[in-house]
Amino acid sequence: MAATIRDIRDRTGLSLATISKYLNGGNVLPRNRELIEEAIAALHYEVNELARGLVTNRTKTIGVLVYDIQCLFVGNMLHYLGQELHKNGYGMLICDSCNNEEMEKENLQFLLSRKVDGILVFAVSLTGEFLIPAKRAGVPVVLLDRAFRGEEVDCVEVDNRTAVFRAAQALIENGHRRIALVASDVEYTGLERKKGYEDALRAYGIRVPEGYRVGGRHSFELGYQGMKGLLEMDEPPTAVILSNYDTTLGGILALNESGMNCPDDVSVIGFDDMLLAKVIRPKLWIVSQPMREMSAKAVQMLLARIDHVEKGGPVRVSFTADIQRGDSVKSFL
């Protein structure tokens, strides 16, 4: 039979009020704390978080809304978020929105019904209207990986626009002029990355065929079909930026199937320093996002809101992405 708070009382001789205060995070005398902790260990007492939540109005659970749990970037971020939350005594409840805005709304309501203390969001939607119920309920929210158009919400992201500008700039500085981009044209990150591409072309006075701009939703299929179409053009690009990890996977497969050589026939810069970048040859140039640091910052911001440490207006933190050089870019200089 599971131990109860009364068993701790009987073992320590302390009052239920003192024991309850300790279990709910309150301060008790050092000697009393030692007695309670010894009793908990000896009795194998486990805190009933649901019952404690009724008292503290906390469940020690964070909801996580993701746009697509199959996305490897999301999977890696969840790994780091889970580690950071665990260090702070929290668990997480994950809901996959499957790139569907209606499902995203339903998932938000589900998390609110489970009385989560806060919500981390990898959003499908481009606007924050679906988050209104969380605001009304007083549940803090922090966005990850993407922001909203014209709306300020606590957010942790990468400076996507500058990241792709620097990738295109690296190709231009290696003598490339026929540079293509495969990027989402329906998601915040892809739209920002496309802006960085256009900024670089404009800054260096370069014009490219419209067909060099390949759009869709970030996915393996977009990378595969996008690269395939580019390589089949009468005048294919000499370099391609694949602006997402899944898109990079698809693009590399299409390139391998084509029989063309990288970088002799086409140079490639991919996204995210994960398994692909480590195992394929030639070693890819990669735009690397600081996923661990982004995750830690997002958890820190959310817990600061939950604990009412941060009471000001929305905070937006933008990290810088690194470009890791490899062997997949040919120089014409």
C-alpha atoms as a PDB file:
ATOM      1  CA  MET A   1       0.000   0.000   0.000  1.00  0.00           C
ATOM      2  CA  ALA A   2       1.334   3.423  -0.948  1.00  0.00           C
ATOM      3  CA  ALA A   3       2.617   5.664   1.840  1.00  0.00           C
ATOM      4  CA  THR A   4       0.566   8.738   2.756  1.00  0.00           C
ATOM      5  CA  ILE A   5       1.291  12.100   4.343  1.00  0.00           C
ATOM      6  CA  ARG A   6      -0.043  10.666   7.600  1.00  0.00           C
ATOM      7  CA  ASP A   7       2.659   7.985   7.514  1.00  0.00           C
ATOM      8  CA  ILE A   8       5.241  10.771   7.291  1.00  0.00           C
ATOM      9  CA  ARG A   9       3.554  12.482  10.247  1.00  0.00           C
ATOM     10  CA  ASP A  10       3.689   9.287  12.307  1.00  0.00           C
ATOM     11  CA  ARG A  11       7.354   8.724  11.460  1.00  0.00           C
ATOM     12  CA  THR A  12       8.539  12.285  12.056  1.00  0.00           C
ATOM     13  CA  GLY A  13       6.178  13.505  14.766  1.00  0.00           C
ATOM     14  CA  LEU A  14       5.659  16.715  12.790  1.00  0.00           C
ATOM     15  CA  SER A  15       2.284  18.300  12.088  1.00  0.00           C
ATOM     16  CA  LEU A  16       0.418  17.698   8.838  1.00  0.00           C
ATOM     17  CA  ALA A  17       0.584  21.444   8.221  1.00  0.00           C
ATOM     18  CA  THR A  18       4.390  21.484   8.359  1.00  0.00           C
ATOM     19  CA  ILE A  19       4.714  18.422   6.125  1.00  0.00           C
ATOM     20  CA  SER A  20       2.192  19.818   3.644  1.00  0.00           C
ATOM     21  CA  LYS A  21       4.015  23.136   3.558  1.00  0.00           C
ATOM     22  CA  TYR A  22       7.269  21.353   2.655  1.00  0.00           C
ATOM     23  CA  LEU A  23       5.623  19.175  -0.006  1.00  0.00           C
ATOM     24  CA  ASN A  24       4.090  22.253  -1.633  1.00  0.00           C
ATOM     25  CA  GLY A  25       7.433  24.036  -1.902  1.00  0.00           C
ATOM     26  CA  GLY A  26       7.237  26.135   1.256  1.00  0.00           C
ATOM     27  CA  ASN A  27      10.098  26.860   3.641  1.00  0.00           C
ATOM     28  CA  VAL A  28      10.384  24.819   6.835  1.00  0.00           C
ATOM     29  CA  LEU A  29      13.068  24.634   9.499  1.00  0.00           C
ATOM     30  CA  PRO A  30      16.231  22.812   8.347  1.00  0.00           C
ATOM     31  CA  ARG A  31      15.824  20.046  10.954  1.00  0.00           C
ATOM     32  CA  ASN A  32      12.191  19.506   9.924  1.00  0.00           C
ATOM     33  CA  ARG A  33      13.222  19.350   6.278  1.00  0.00           C
ATOM     34  CA  GLU A  34      15.779  16.639   7.088  1.00  0.00           C
ATOM     35  CA  LEU A  35      13.198  14.604   8.999  1.00  0.00           C
ATOM     36  CA  ILE A  36      10.656  14.853   6.181  1.00  0.00           C
ATOM     37  CA  GLU A  37      13.185  13.935   3.476  1.00  0.00           C
ATOM     38  CA  GLU A  38      14.408  10.945   5.488  1.00  0.00           C
ATOM     39  CA  ALA A  39      10.820   9.757   5.936  1.00  0.00           C
ATOM     40  CA  ILE A  40      10.045  10.197   2.240  1.00  0.00           C
ATOM     41  CA  ALA A  41      13.068   8.089   1.322  1.00  0.00           C
ATOM     42  CA  ALA A  42      12.352   5.399   3.898  1.00  0.00           C
ATOM     43  CA  LEU A  43       8.639   5.147   3.088  1.00  0.00           C
ATOM     44  CA  HIS A  44       9.117   5.505  -0.712  1.00  0.00           C
ATOM     45  CA  TYR A  45       6.525   8.248  -0.579  1.00  0.00           C
ATOM     46  CA  GLU A  46       5.467   9.675  -3.961  1.00  0.00           C
ATOM     47  CA  VAL A  47       3.914  13.096  -4.279  1.00  0.00           C
ATOM     48  CA  ASN A  48       0.439  13.111  -5.830  1.00  0.00           C
ATOM     49  CA  GLU A  49       0.947  15.888  -8.348  1.00  0.00           C
ATOM     50  CA  LEU A  50      -2.758  16.096  -9.195  1.00  0.00           C
ATOM     51  CA  ALA A  51      -3.664  16.588  -5.554  1.00  0.00           C
ATOM     52  CA  ARG A  52      -0.858  19.085  -5.061  1.00  0.00           C
ATOM     53  CA  GLY A  53      -1.995  20.948  -8.138  1.00  0.00           C
ATOM     54  CA  LEU A  54      -5.379  21.559  -6.533  1.00  0.00           C
ATOM     55  CA  VAL A  55      -3.603  23.306  -3.661  1.00  0.00           C
ATOM     56  CA  THR A  56      -0.875  25.161  -5.552  1.00  0.00           C
ATOM     57  CA  ASN A  57      -2.795  25.717  -8.794  1.00  0.00           C
ATOM     58  CA  ARG A  58       0.218  24.131 -10.542  1.00  0.00           C
ATOM     59  CA  THR A  59       0.412  20.810 -12.385  1.00  0.00           C
ATOM     60  CA  LYS A  60       4.173  20.988 -13.098  1.00  0.00           C
ATOM     61  CA  THR A  61       3.259  20.161 -16.694  1.00  0.00           C
ATOM     62  CA  ILE A  62       4.113  22.181 -19.798  1.00  0.00           C
ATOM     63  CA  GLY A  63       2.116  21.762 -22.982  1.00  0.00           C
ATOM     64  CA  VAL A  64       4.022  21.657 -26.268  1.00  0.00           C
ATOM     65  CA  LEU A  65       2.220  22.325 -29.540  1.00  0.00           C
ATOM     66  CA  VAL A  66       4.215  21.221 -32.603  1.00  0.00           C
ATOM     67  CA  TYR A  67       3.388  21.742 -36.263  1.00  0.00           C
ATOM     68  CA  ASP A  68       4.677  18.289 -37.291  1.00  0.00           C
ATOM     69  CA  ILE A  69       6.234  15.775 -34.931  1.00  0.00           C
ATOM     70  CA  GLN A  70       7.725  13.906 -37.917  1.00  0.00           C
ATOM     71  CA  CYS A  71       9.964  16.900 -38.615  1.00  0.00           C
ATOM     72  CA  LEU A  72      13.450  15.963 -37.426  1.00  0.00           C
ATOM     73  CA  PHE A  73      14.200  19.532 -36.349  1.00  0.00           C
ATOM     74  CA  VAL A  74      11.126  19.441 -34.105  1.00  0.00           C
ATOM     75  CA  GLY A  75      12.173  16.057 -32.724  1.00  0.00           C
ATOM     76  CA  ASN A  76      15.594  17.385 -31.761  1.00  0.00           C
ATOM     77  CA  MET A  77      14.078  20.480 -30.192  1.00  0.00           C
ATOM     78  CA  LEU A  78      11.694  18.323 -28.146  1.00  0.00           C
ATOM     79  CA  HIS A  79      14.695  16.355 -26.879  1.00  0.00           C
ATOM     80  CA  TYR A  80      16.395  19.517 -25.618  1.00  0.00           C
ATOM     81  CA  LEU A  81      13.164  20.994 -24.254  1.00  0.00           C
ATOM     82  CA  GLY A  82      12.469  17.800 -22.338  1.00  0.00           C
ATOM     83  CA  GLN A  83      15.926  17.872 -20.782  1.00  0.00           C
ATOM     84  CA  GLU A  84      15.561  21.494 -19.740  1.00  0.00           C
ATOM     85  CA  LEU A  85      12.072  21.038 -18.307  1.00  0.00           C
ATOM     86  CA  HIS A  86      13.177  17.948 -16.376  1.00  0.00           C
ATOM     87  CA  LYS A  87      15.996  19.934 -14.779  1.00  0.00           C
ATOM     88  CA  ASN A  88      13.377  22.378 -13.538  1.00  0.00           C
ATOM     89  CA  GLY A  89      11.000  19.723 -12.206  1.00  0.00           C
ATOM     90  CA  TYR A  90       8.498  19.852 -15.084  1.00  0.00           C
ATOM     91  CA  GLY A  91       7.120  17.269 -17.476  1.00  0.00           C
ATOM     92  CA  MET A  92       5.694  17.958 -20.934  1.00  0.00           C
ATOM     93  CA  LEU A  93       2.535  17.030 -22.779  1.00  0.00           C
ATOM     94  CA  ILE A  94       3.026  17.063 -26.579  1.00  0.00           C
ATOM     95  CA  CYS A  95       0.313  17.639 -29.188  1.00  0.00           C
ATOM     96  CA  ASP A  96       0.978  17.252 -32.925  1.00  0.00           C
ATOM     97  CA  SER A  97      -0.979  19.674 -35.109  1.00  0.00           C
ATOM     98  CA  CYS A  98      -0.054  17.827 -38.340  1.00  0.00           C
ATOM     99  CA  ASN A  99       0.374  21.153 -40.177  1.00  0.00           C
ATOM    100  CA  ASN A 100      -3.373  21.764 -39.739  1.00  0.00           C
ATOM    101  CA  GLU A 101      -4.580  25.064 -38.263  1.00  0.00           C
ATOM    102  CA  GLU A 102      -7.920  23.645 -37.084  1.00  0.00           C
ATOM    103  CA  MET A 103      -6.151  20.797 -35.292  1.00  0.00           C
ATOM    104  CA  GLU A 104      -3.827  23.356 -33.750  1.00  0.00           C
ATOM    105  CA  LYS A 105      -6.832  25.179 -32.233  1.00  0.00           C
ATOM    106  CA  GLU A 106      -8.251  21.907 -30.888  1.00  0.00           C
ATOM    107  CA  ASN A 107      -4.892  20.915 -29.435  1.00  0.00           C
ATOM    108  CA  LEU A 108      -4.644  24.226 -27.611  1.00  0.00           C
ATOM    109  CA  GLN A 109      -8.037  23.654 -26.001  1.00  0.00           C
ATOM    110  CA  PHE A 110      -6.974  20.126 -25.044  1.00  0.00           C
ATOM    111  CA  LEU A 111      -3.849  21.425 -23.291  1.00  0.00           C
ATOM    112  CA  LEU A 112      -5.830  24.108 -21.470  1.00  0.00           C
ATOM    113  CA  SER A 113      -8.317  21.466 -20.306  1.00  0.00           C
ATOM    114  CA  ARG A 114      -5.383  19.535 -18.826  1.00  0.00           C
ATOM    115  CA  LYS A 115      -4.461  22.605 -16.750  1.00  0.00           C
ATOM    116  CA  VAL A 116      -0.912  22.906 -18.065  1.00  0.00           C
ATOM    117  CA  ASP A 117       1.119  25.636 -16.394  1.00  0.00           C
ATOM    118  CA  GLY A 118       2.398  27.049 -19.684  1.00  0.00           C
ATOM    119  CA  ILE A 119       2.623  26.255 -23.385  1.00  0.00           C
ATOM    120  CA  LEU A 120       5.541  26.125 -25.824  1.00  0.00           C
ATOM    121  CA  VAL A 121       4.379  26.540 -29.412  1.00  0.00           C
ATOM    122  CA  PHE A 122       5.858  25.556 -32.769  1.00  0.00           C
ATOM    123  CA  ALA A 123       3.032  27.219 -34.664  1.00  0.00           C
ATOM    124  CA  VAL A 124       1.288  26.222 -37.861  1.00  0.00           C
ATOM    125  CA  SER A 125      -0.662  29.489 -38.037  1.00  0.00           C
ATOM    126  CA  LEU A 126       0.896  32.724 -39.245  1.00  0.00           C
ATOM    127  CA  THR A 127      -1.179  34.753 -36.772  1.00  0.00           C
ATOM    128  CA  GLY A 128      -1.767  34.321 -33.052  1.00  0.00           C
ATOM    129  CA  GLU A 129      -5.562  34.413 -33.024  1.00  0.00           C
ATOM    130  CA  PHE A 130      -5.775  30.751 -31.976  1.00  0.00           C
ATOM    131  CA  LEU A 131      -3.882  31.599 -28.754  1.00  0.00           C
ATOM    132  CA  ILE A 132      -6.618  33.933 -27.431  1.00  0.00           C
ATOM    133  CA  PRO A 133      -8.097  31.203 -25.144  1.00  0.00           C
ATOM    134  CA  ALA A 134      -4.688  30.763 -23.478  1.00  0.00           C
ATOM    135  CA  LYS A 135      -4.419  34.499 -22.894  1.00  0.00           C
ATOM    136  CA  ARG A 136      -7.898  34.587 -21.383  1.00  0.00           C
ATOM    137  CA  ALA A 137      -7.013  31.677 -19.103  1.00  0.00           C
ATOM    138  CA  GLY A 138      -3.813  33.404 -17.995  1.00  0.00           C
ATOM    139  CA  VAL A 139      -1.623  30.579 -19.305  1.00  0.00           C
ATOM    140  CA  PRO A 140       1.777  31.856 -20.505  1.00  0.00           C
ATOM    141  CA  VAL A 141       2.891  31.024 -24.045  1.00  0.00           C
ATOM    142  CA  VAL A 142       6.311  31.124 -25.700  1.00  0.00           C
ATOM    143  CA  LEU A 143       6.723  30.641 -29.453  1.00  0.00           C
ATOM    144  CA  LEU A 144       9.634  28.661 -30.825  1.00  0.00           C
ATOM    145  CA  ASP A 145      11.240  28.705 -34.273  1.00  0.00           C
ATOM    146  CA  ARG A 146       8.809  31.223 -35.721  1.00  0.00           C
ATOM    147  CA  ALA A 147       7.019  34.470 -34.902  1.00  0.00           C
ATOM    148  CA  PHE A 148       3.635  35.869 -35.920  1.00  0.00           C
ATOM    149  CA  ARG A 149       2.944  38.528 -38.506  1.00  0.00           C
ATOM    150  CA  GLY A 150       2.348  41.903 -36.897  1.00  0.00           C
ATOM    151  CA  GLU A 151       1.849  40.447 -33.408  1.00  0.00           C
ATOM    152  CA  GLU A 152       4.085  40.435 -30.394  1.00  0.00           C
ATOM    153  CA  VAL A 153       4.229  37.229 -28.345  1.00  0.00           C
ATOM    154  CA  ASP A 154       7.138  35.910 -26.296  1.00  0.00           C
ATOM    155  CA  CYS A 155       9.287  34.237 -28.930  1.00  0.00           C
ATOM    156  CA  VAL A 156      12.606  32.437 -29.398  1.00  0.00           C
ATOM    157  CA  GLU A 157      13.806  32.106 -32.972  1.00  0.00           C
ATOM    158  CA  VAL A 158      16.784  32.245 -35.286  1.00  0.00           C
ATOM    159  CA  ASP A 159      17.442  35.288 -37.461  1.00  0.00           C
ATOM    160  CA  ASN A 160      16.318  33.331 -40.533  1.00  0.00           C
ATOM    161  CA  ARG A 161      16.631  36.221 -42.935  1.00  0.00           C
ATOM    162  CA  THR A 162      20.270  36.916 -42.068  1.00  0.00           C
ATOM    163  CA  ALA A 163      21.096  33.182 -42.013  1.00  0.00           C
ATOM    164  CA  VAL A 164      20.117  32.665 -45.658  1.00  0.00           C
ATOM    165  CA  PHE A 165      21.594  36.007 -46.694  1.00  0.00           C
ATOM    166  CA  ARG A 166      24.944  34.777 -45.365  1.00  0.00           C
ATOM    167  CA  ALA A 167      24.532  31.398 -47.109  1.00  0.00           C
ATOM    168  CA  ALA A 168      23.828  33.099 -50.459  1.00  0.00           C
ATOM    169  CA  GLN A 169      26.652  35.550 -49.839  1.00  0.00           C
ATOM    170  CA  ALA A 170      29.084  32.657 -49.307  1.00  0.00           C
ATOM    171  CA  LEU A 171      28.084  31.198 -52.687  1.00  0.00           C
ATOM    172  CA  ILE A 172      28.407  34.569 -54.404  1.00  0.00           C
ATOM    173  CA  GLU A 173      31.855  35.094 -52.878  1.00  0.00           C
ATOM    174  CA  ASN A 174      32.846  31.713 -54.367  1.00  0.00           C
ATOM    175  CA  GLY A 175      31.894  32.956 -57.825  1.00  0.00           C
ATOM    176  CA  HIS A 176      28.340  31.584 -58.125  1.00  0.00           C
ATOM    177  CA  ARG A 177      25.687  33.632 -59.894  1.00  0.00           C
ATOM    178  CA  ARG A 178      23.119  30.961 -60.835  1.00  0.00           C
ATOM    179  CA  ILE A 179      21.870  30.330 -57.287  1.00  0.00           C
ATOM    180  CA  ALA A 180      18.551  28.628 -56.515  1.00  0.00           C
ATOM    181  CA  LEU A 181      16.550  28.411 -53.281  1.00  0.00           C
ATOM    182  CA  VAL A 182      14.193  25.648 -52.158  1.00  0.00           C
ATOM    183  CA  ALA A 183      12.097  27.065 -49.308  1.00  0.00           C
ATOM    184  CA  SER A 184       8.596  27.139 -47.895  1.00  0.00           C
ATOM    185  CA  ASP A 185       6.372  29.912 -49.176  1.00  0.00           C
ATOM    186  CA  VAL A 186       3.570  29.160 -46.689  1.00  0.00           C
ATOM    187  CA  GLU A 187       5.436  29.154 -43.343  1.00  0.00           C
ATOM    188  CA  TYR A 188       7.054  31.951 -41.364  1.00  0.00           C
ATOM    189  CA  THR A 189      10.575  30.494 -41.374  1.00  0.00           C
ATOM    190  CA  GLY A 190      10.521  29.790 -45.099  1.00  0.00           C
ATOM    191  CA  LEU A 191       9.185  33.237 -45.915  1.00  0.00           C
ATOM    192  CA  GLU A 192      11.905  34.875 -43.824  1.00  0.00           C
ATOM    193  CA  ARG A 193      14.580  32.706 -45.416  1.00  0.00           C
ATOM    194  CA  LYS A 194      13.318  33.634 -48.864  1.00  0.00           C
ATOM    195  CA  LYS A 195      13.649  37.317 -47.918  1.00  0.00           C
ATOM    196  CA  GLY A 196      17.297  36.705 -47.023  1.00  0.00           C
ATOM    197  CA  TYR A 197      17.884  35.087 -50.414  1.00  0.00           C
ATOM    198  CA  GLU A 198      16.287  38.018 -52.232  1.00  0.00           C
ATOM    199  CA  ASP A 199      18.282  40.480 -50.090  1.00  0.00           C
ATOM    200  CA  ALA A 200      21.542  38.840 -51.179  1.00  0.00           C
ATOM    201  CA  LEU A 201      20.646  38.803 -54.875  1.00  0.00           C
ATOM    202  CA  ARG A 202      19.622  42.440 -54.679  1.00  0.00           C
ATOM    203  CA  ALA A 203      22.733  43.471 -52.720  1.00  0.00           C
ATOM    204  CA  TYR A 204      25.021  41.930 -55.348  1.00  0.00           C
ATOM    205  CA  GLY A 205      22.930  42.939 -58.369  1.00  0.00           C
ATOM    206  CA  ILE A 206      22.206  39.352 -59.421  1.00  0.00           C
ATOM    207  CA  ARG A 207      19.152  38.303 -61.433  1.00  0.00           C
ATOM    208  CA  VAL A 208      18.050  34.679 -61.633  1.00  0.00           C
ATOM    209  CA  PRO A 209      15.200  32.923 -63.482  1.00  0.00           C
ATOM    210  CA  GLU A 210      11.948  32.722 -61.524  1.00  0.00           C
ATOM    211  CA  GLY A 211      12.246  28.944 -61.742  1.00  0.00           C
ATOM    212  CA  TYR A 212      15.194  29.118 -59.351  1.00  0.00           C
ATOM    213  CA  ARG A 213      12.740  30.043 -56.579  1.00  0.00           C
ATOM    214  CA  VAL A 214      11.110  26.764 -55.550  1.00  0.00           C
ATOM    215  CA  GLY A 215       8.291  27.004 -53.012  1.00  0.00           C
ATOM    216  CA  GLY A 216       5.855  24.796 -51.129  1.00  0.00           C
ATOM    217  CA  ARG A 217       5.657  23.532 -47.548  1.00  0.00           C
ATOM    218  CA  HIS A 218       8.920  22.515 -45.921  1.00  0.00           C
ATOM    219  CA  SER A 219       9.118  18.762 -46.411  1.00  0.00           C
ATOM    220  CA  PHE A 220      11.191  15.927 -47.806  1.00  0.00           C
ATOM    221  CA  GLU A 221       8.976  15.971 -50.915  1.00  0.00           C
ATOM    222  CA  LEU A 222       9.605  19.680 -51.521  1.00  0.00           C
ATOM    223  CA  GLY A 223      13.352  19.105 -51.419  1.00  0.00           C
ATOM    224  CA  TYR A 224      13.203  16.022 -53.614  1.00  0.00           C
ATOM    225  CA  GLN A 225      10.916  17.407 -56.321  1.00  0.00           C
ATOM    226  CA  GLY A 226      12.459  20.871 -56.083  1.00  0.00           C
ATOM    227  CA  MET A 227      16.005  19.651 -56.657  1.00  0.00           C
ATOM    228  CA  LYS A 228      14.868  17.274 -59.377  1.00  0.00           C
ATOM    229  CA  GLY A 229      13.146  20.088 -61.256  1.00  0.00           C
ATOM    230  CA  LEU A 230      16.135  22.419 -60.911  1.00  0.00           C
ATOM    231  CA  LEU A 231      18.577  19.846 -62.257  1.00  0.00           C
ATOM    232  CA  GLU A 232      16.335  19.184 -65.264  1.00  0.00           C
ATOM    233  CA  MET A 233      16.248  22.854 -66.341  1.00  0.00           C
ATOM    234  CA  ASP A 234      17.893  23.832 -69.634  1.00  0.00           C
ATOM    235  CA  GLU A 235      20.193  26.077 -67.615  1.00  0.00           C
ATOM    236  CA  PRO A 236      20.338  24.524 -64.142  1.00  0.00           C
ATOM    237  CA  PRO A 237      21.722  26.484 -61.193  1.00  0.00           C
ATOM    238  CA  THR A 238      25.338  26.030 -60.193  1.00  0.00           C
ATOM    239  CA  ALA A 239      24.320  26.158 -56.515  1.00  0.00           C
ATOM    240  CA  VAL A 240      21.207  25.363 -54.465  1.00  0.00           C
ATOM    241  CA  ILE A 241      20.293  26.432 -50.938  1.00  0.00           C
ATOM    242  CA  LEU A 242      18.035  23.869 -49.253  1.00  0.00           C
ATOM    243  CA  SER A 243      16.489  25.850 -46.417  1.00  0.00           C
ATOM    244  CA  ASN A 244      15.224  23.177 -44.020  1.00  0.00           C
ATOM    245  CA  TYR A 245      16.523  19.830 -42.731  1.00  0.00           C
ATOM    246  CA  ASP A 246      13.764  17.697 -44.294  1.00  0.00           C
ATOM    247  CA  THR A 247      14.094  19.655 -47.516  1.00  0.00           C
ATOM    248  CA  THR A 248      17.844  19.041 -47.439  1.00  0.00           C
ATOM    249  CA  LEU A 249      17.265  15.291 -47.106  1.00  0.00           C
ATOM    250  CA  GLY A 250      14.990  15.269 -50.143  1.00  0.00           C
ATOM    251  CA  GLY A 251      17.282  17.471 -52.183  1.00  0.00           C
ATOM    252  CA  ILE A 252      20.341  15.304 -51.539  1.00  0.00           C
ATOM    253  CA  LEU A 253      18.434  12.148 -52.531  1.00  0.00           C
ATOM    254  CA  ALA A 254      17.340  13.748 -55.815  1.00  0.00           C
ATOM    255  CA  LEU A 255      20.894  14.874 -56.475  1.00  0.00           C
ATOM    256  CA  ASN A 256      22.255  11.376 -55.837  1.00  0.00           C
ATOM    257  CA  GLU A 257      19.651   9.810 -58.140  1.00  0.00           C
ATOM    258  CA  SER A 258      20.475  12.271 -60.907  1.00  0.00           C
ATOM    259  CA  GLY A 259      24.018  10.958 -61.219  1.00  0.00           C
ATOM    260  CA  MET A 260      25.357  14.507 -61.060  1.00  0.00           C
ATOM    261  CA  ASN A 261      28.333  15.308 -58.878  1.00  0.00           C
ATOM    262  CA  CYS A 262      28.409  17.624 -55.876  1.00  0.00           C
ATOM    263  CA  PRO A 263      30.109  20.064 -55.943  1.00  0.00           C
ATOM    264  CA  ASP A 264      31.490  19.769 -59.490  1.00  0.00           C
ATOM    265  CA  ASP A 265      28.066  19.907 -61.169  1.00  0.00           C
ATOM    266  CA  VAL A 266      26.073  21.650 -58.455  1.00  0.00           C
ATOM    267  CA  SER A 267      27.019  23.096 -55.093  1.00  0.00           C
ATOM    268  CA  VAL A 268      24.730  22.680 -52.074  1.00  0.00           C
ATOM    269  CA  ILE A 269      24.209  24.444 -48.763  1.00  0.00           C
ATOM    270  CA  GLY A 270      21.800  22.676 -46.417  1.00  0.00           C
ATOM    271  CA  PHE A 271      20.172  23.391 -43.063  1.00  0.00           C
ATOM    272  CA  ASP A 272      20.661  22.043 -39.529  1.00  0.00           C
ATOM    273  CA  ASP A 273      23.660  20.173 -38.207  1.00  0.00           C
ATOM    274  CA  MET A 274      22.093  16.779 -37.581  1.00  0.00           C
ATOM    275  CA  LEU A 275      22.828  13.231 -38.752  1.00  0.00           C
ATOM    276  CA  LEU A 276      22.731  13.942 -42.497  1.00  0.00           C
ATOM    277  CA  ALA A 277      25.515  16.497 -42.300  1.00  0.00           C
ATOM    278  CA  LYS A 278      27.756  14.018 -40.518  1.00  0.00           C
ATOM    279  CA  VAL A 279      27.386  10.942 -42.735  1.00  0.00           C
ATOM    280  CA  ILE A 280      27.088  12.024 -46.371  1.00  0.00           C
ATOM    281  CA  ARG A 281      29.978  12.782 -48.696  1.00  0.00           C
ATOM    282  CA  PRO A 282      31.003  15.299 -49.678  1.00  0.00           C
ATOM    283  CA  LYS A 283      30.643  16.938 -46.276  1.00  0.00           C
ATOM    284  CA  LEU A 284      27.873  19.521 -46.560  1.00  0.00           C
ATOM    285  CA  TRP A 285      28.059  23.207 -45.962  1.00  0.00           C
ATOM    286  CA  ILE A 286      25.368  23.652 -43.306  1.00  0.00           C
ATOM    287  CA  VAL A 287      23.428  26.528 -41.765  1.00  0.00           C
ATOM    288  CA  SER A 288      23.415  25.394 -38.132  1.00  0.00           C
ATOM    289  CA  GLN A 289      20.766  26.551 -35.665  1.00  0.00           C
ATOM    290  CA  PRO A 290      21.677  26.564 -31.932  1.00  0.00           C
ATOM    291  CA  MET A 291      18.871  24.193 -30.939  1.00  0.00           C
ATOM    292  CA  ARG A 292      20.051  23.459 -27.401  1.00  0.00           C
ATOM    293  CA  GLU A 293      20.485  27.146 -26.586  1.00  0.00           C
ATOM    294  CA  MET A 294      17.126  28.056 -28.141  1.00  0.00           C
ATOM    295  CA  SER A 295      15.377  25.373 -26.088  1.00  0.00           C
ATOM    296  CA  ALA A 296      17.010  26.453 -22.836  1.00  0.00           C
ATOM    297  CA  LYS A 297      16.062  30.081 -23.447  1.00  0.00           C
ATOM    298  CA  ALA A 298      12.450  29.236 -24.294  1.00  0.00           C
ATOM    299  CA  VAL A 299      12.037  27.207 -21.086  1.00  0.00           C
ATOM    300  CA  GLN A 300      13.679  29.971 -19.065  1.00  0.00           C
ATOM    301  CA  MET A 301      11.314  32.571 -20.528  1.00  0.00           C
ATOM    302  CA  LEU A 302       8.227  30.427 -19.972  1.00  0.00           C
ATOM    303  CA  LEU A 303       9.081  29.602 -16.349  1.00  0.00           C
ATOM    304  CA  ALA A 304       9.774  33.284 -15.689  1.00  0.00           C
ATOM    305  CA  ARG A 305       6.215  34.030 -16.844  1.00  0.00           C
ATOM    306  CA  ILE A 306       4.759  31.158 -14.795  1.00  0.00           C
ATOM    307  CA  ASP A 307       6.594  32.328 -11.661  1.00  0.00           C
ATOM    308  CA  HIS A 308       5.687  35.983 -12.358  1.00  0.00           C
ATOM    309  CA  VAL A 309       9.361  36.919 -12.470  1.00  0.00           C
ATOM    310  CA  GLU A 310       8.871  38.454 -15.922  1.00  0.00           C
ATOM    311  CA  LYS A 311       5.902  40.836 -15.948  1.00  0.00           C
ATOM    312  CA  GLY A 312       6.743  43.155 -18.825  1.00  0.00           C
ATOM    313  CA  GLY A 313       5.602  43.147 -22.429  1.00  0.00           C
ATOM    314  CA  PRO A 314       6.394  40.417 -24.975  1.00  0.00           C
ATOM    315  CA  VAL A 315      10.054  39.450 -25.298  1.00  0.00           C
ATOM    316  CA  ARG A 316      11.560  38.354 -28.596  1.00  0.00           C
ATOM    317  CA  VAL A 317      14.943  36.622 -28.616  1.00  0.00           C
ATOM    318  CA  SER A 318      16.653  36.040 -31.947  1.00  0.00           C
ATOM    319  CA  PHE A 319      19.693  33.747 -32.135  1.00  0.00           C
ATOM    320  CA  THR A 320      22.371  33.822 -34.833  1.00  0.00           C
ATOM    321  CA  ALA A 321      22.819  30.727 -36.996  1.00  0.00           C
ATOM    322  CA  ASP A 322      26.333  29.598 -37.838  1.00  0.00           C
ATOM    323  CA  ILE A 323      27.506  28.476 -41.248  1.00  0.00           C
ATOM    324  CA  GLN A 324      29.635  25.361 -41.031  1.00  0.00           C
ATOM    325  CA  ARG A 325      31.891  24.941 -44.020  1.00  0.00           C
ATOM    326  CA  GLY A 326      32.249  21.608 -45.756  1.00  0.00           C
ATOM    327  CA  ASP A 327      33.186  20.320 -49.198  1.00  0.00           C
ATOM    328  CA  SER A 328      29.868  20.790 -51.029  1.00  0.00           C
ATOM    329  CA  VAL A 329      30.578  24.265 -52.491  1.00  0.00           C
ATOM    330  CA  LYS A 330      32.727  24.670 -55.585  1.00  0.00           C
ATOM    331  CA  SER A 331      34.731  27.848 -56.010  1.00  0.00           C
ATOM    332  CA  PHE A 332      34.940  29.471 -59.445  1.00  0.00           C
ATOM    333  CA  LEU A 333      37.599  31.946 -58.300  1.00  0.00           C
END
